[in-house]
N, C-alpha and C. Protein backbone atom coordinates (compact mmCIF):
# COMPACT_ATOMS: atom_id res chain seq x y z
N MET A 1 0.85 -1.18 0.00
CA MET A 1 0.00 0.00 0.00
C MET A 1 0.89 1.23 0.00
N SER A 2 0.48 2.25 -0.71
CA SER A 2 1.28 3.46 -0.78
C SER A 2 0.41 4.69 -0.58
N THR A 3 1.02 5.74 -0.07
CA THR A 3 0.32 7.01 0.12
C THR A 3 1.22 8.13 -0.37
N MET A 4 0.68 9.35 -0.41
CA MET A 4 1.48 10.49 -0.84
C MET A 4 1.31 11.61 0.16
N SER A 5 2.42 12.25 0.54
CA SER A 5 2.39 13.35 1.49
C SER A 5 3.44 14.38 1.09
N TYR A 6 3.05 15.62 0.98
CA TYR A 6 3.95 16.72 0.62
C TYR A 6 4.71 16.44 -0.67
N GLY A 7 4.07 15.75 -1.61
CA GLY A 7 4.69 15.49 -2.89
C GLY A 7 5.56 14.26 -2.92
N PHE A 8 5.85 13.67 -1.75
CA PHE A 8 6.64 12.45 -1.72
C PHE A 8 5.73 11.26 -1.59
N HIS A 9 6.09 10.22 -2.26
CA HIS A 9 5.34 8.97 -2.27
C HIS A 9 5.88 8.10 -1.15
N TYR A 10 5.01 7.46 -0.40
CA TYR A 10 5.42 6.54 0.66
C TYR A 10 4.97 5.14 0.30
N ASP A 11 5.89 4.20 0.31
CA ASP A 11 5.59 2.81 -0.01
C ASP A 11 6.03 1.95 1.16
N ARG A 12 5.09 1.31 1.83
CA ARG A 12 5.34 0.48 3.01
C ARG A 12 6.14 1.24 4.07
N GLY A 13 5.80 2.50 4.27
CA GLY A 13 6.44 3.31 5.29
C GLY A 13 7.75 3.94 4.87
N GLN A 14 8.24 3.65 3.67
CA GLN A 14 9.49 4.21 3.18
C GLN A 14 9.20 5.41 2.29
N LYS A 15 9.90 6.51 2.52
CA LYS A 15 9.76 7.70 1.68
C LYS A 15 10.47 7.43 0.35
N VAL A 16 9.74 7.62 -0.74
CA VAL A 16 10.27 7.33 -2.07
C VAL A 16 10.55 8.64 -2.81
N GLY A 17 11.74 8.76 -3.35
CA GLY A 17 12.12 9.91 -4.16
C GLY A 17 12.91 9.42 -5.36
N TYR A 18 13.36 10.34 -6.18
CA TYR A 18 14.05 9.98 -7.41
C TYR A 18 15.30 10.84 -7.59
N ASP A 19 16.39 10.20 -8.00
CA ASP A 19 17.59 10.91 -8.41
C ASP A 19 17.53 11.04 -9.93
N ILE A 20 17.68 12.25 -10.43
CA ILE A 20 17.61 12.51 -11.87
C ILE A 20 18.94 13.09 -12.31
N SER A 21 19.57 12.46 -13.30
CA SER A 21 20.85 12.92 -13.83
C SER A 21 20.72 13.22 -15.32
N PHE A 22 21.35 14.30 -15.74
CA PHE A 22 21.41 14.64 -17.16
C PHE A 22 22.62 15.53 -17.37
N GLY A 23 23.38 15.25 -18.43
CA GLY A 23 24.61 15.99 -18.64
C GLY A 23 25.51 15.84 -17.42
N SER A 24 25.97 16.95 -16.86
CA SER A 24 26.80 16.91 -15.64
C SER A 24 26.00 17.30 -14.41
N VAL A 25 24.68 17.33 -14.54
CA VAL A 25 23.80 17.76 -13.44
C VAL A 25 23.15 16.53 -12.79
N ARG A 26 23.08 16.55 -11.46
CA ARG A 26 22.39 15.48 -10.71
C ARG A 26 21.46 16.13 -9.70
N LEU A 27 20.18 15.83 -9.81
CA LEU A 27 19.18 16.30 -8.84
C LEU A 27 18.90 15.13 -7.91
N SER A 28 19.04 15.36 -6.62
CA SER A 28 18.94 14.28 -5.66
C SER A 28 17.63 14.31 -4.90
N PHE A 29 16.99 13.17 -4.80
CA PHE A 29 15.77 12.92 -4.04
C PHE A 29 14.63 13.88 -4.41
N VAL A 30 14.29 13.88 -5.70
CA VAL A 30 13.19 14.69 -6.22
C VAL A 30 11.87 14.00 -5.85
N SER A 31 10.88 14.77 -5.46
CA SER A 31 9.60 14.19 -5.08
C SER A 31 8.85 13.64 -6.29
N SER A 32 7.94 12.73 -6.04
CA SER A 32 7.11 12.16 -7.10
C SER A 32 6.31 13.25 -7.80
N LYS A 33 5.88 14.22 -7.03
CA LYS A 33 5.06 15.32 -7.55
C LYS A 33 5.83 16.15 -8.57
N ASP A 34 7.12 16.36 -8.34
CA ASP A 34 7.92 17.22 -9.21
C ASP A 34 8.63 16.49 -10.34
N LYS A 35 8.72 15.16 -10.26
CA LYS A 35 9.50 14.38 -11.23
C LYS A 35 9.07 14.63 -12.67
N ALA A 36 7.80 14.50 -12.98
CA ALA A 36 7.32 14.65 -14.36
C ALA A 36 7.57 16.06 -14.89
N ARG A 37 7.33 17.06 -14.05
CA ARG A 37 7.54 18.45 -14.47
C ARG A 37 9.02 18.71 -14.77
N ILE A 38 9.90 18.20 -13.94
CA ILE A 38 11.33 18.41 -14.13
C ILE A 38 11.81 17.71 -15.40
N ILE A 39 11.36 16.48 -15.62
CA ILE A 39 11.76 15.75 -16.83
C ILE A 39 11.28 16.47 -18.08
N LYS A 40 10.07 17.00 -18.05
CA LYS A 40 9.53 17.75 -19.19
C LYS A 40 10.40 18.98 -19.47
N GLU A 41 10.82 19.68 -18.43
CA GLU A 41 11.68 20.86 -18.60
C GLU A 41 13.05 20.48 -19.14
N ILE A 42 13.61 19.36 -18.68
CA ILE A 42 14.91 18.90 -19.17
C ILE A 42 14.81 18.57 -20.66
N LYS A 43 13.76 17.86 -21.07
CA LYS A 43 13.57 17.52 -22.49
C LYS A 43 13.39 18.76 -23.34
N SER A 44 12.67 19.76 -22.82
CA SER A 44 12.44 20.98 -23.60
C SER A 44 13.71 21.80 -23.77
N SER A 45 14.70 21.56 -22.91
CA SER A 45 15.96 22.29 -23.04
C SER A 45 16.94 21.59 -23.98
N GLY A 46 16.50 20.47 -24.62
CA GLY A 46 17.31 19.87 -25.66
C GLY A 46 17.90 18.50 -25.33
N TYR A 47 17.69 17.98 -24.15
CA TYR A 47 18.21 16.66 -23.81
C TYR A 47 17.23 15.60 -24.30
N SER A 48 17.79 14.49 -24.80
CA SER A 48 16.92 13.39 -25.25
C SER A 48 16.62 12.46 -24.07
N LYS A 49 15.65 11.60 -24.27
CA LYS A 49 15.25 10.65 -23.22
C LYS A 49 16.42 9.74 -22.83
N ASP A 50 17.28 9.41 -23.80
CA ASP A 50 18.43 8.54 -23.54
C ASP A 50 19.50 9.22 -22.68
N GLU A 51 19.50 10.54 -22.63
CA GLU A 51 20.51 11.28 -21.86
C GLU A 51 20.08 11.53 -20.42
N ILE A 52 18.86 11.15 -20.07
CA ILE A 52 18.32 11.38 -18.73
C ILE A 52 18.27 10.06 -17.98
N THR A 53 18.86 10.03 -16.79
CA THR A 53 18.85 8.83 -15.96
C THR A 53 18.01 9.09 -14.73
N ILE A 54 17.08 8.16 -14.43
CA ILE A 54 16.21 8.29 -13.28
C ILE A 54 16.38 7.05 -12.40
N GLU A 55 16.69 7.26 -11.13
CA GLU A 55 16.85 6.16 -10.19
C GLU A 55 15.91 6.38 -9.02
N ARG A 56 15.16 5.35 -8.68
CA ARG A 56 14.24 5.41 -7.53
C ARG A 56 15.04 5.19 -6.25
N ARG A 57 14.73 6.01 -5.23
CA ARG A 57 15.39 5.88 -3.92
C ARG A 57 14.34 5.78 -2.83
N GLU A 58 14.65 5.01 -1.82
CA GLU A 58 13.80 4.93 -0.64
C GLU A 58 14.60 5.39 0.55
N ASP A 59 13.95 6.14 1.40
CA ASP A 59 14.63 6.68 2.58
C ASP A 59 13.93 6.19 3.82
């Protein structure tokens, strides 16, 4: 079972976030709420889907 609070997704009591890397930039522990918006902005600035790495993290 999962819930969402303050933009972060919780799965079995673990806070879930995402690390997003593109070019030489790394965004650490991005909330579920902001992930899609950030990826859309990265793509609009000229990066392709293959240049963006997304890793799920639990805290």
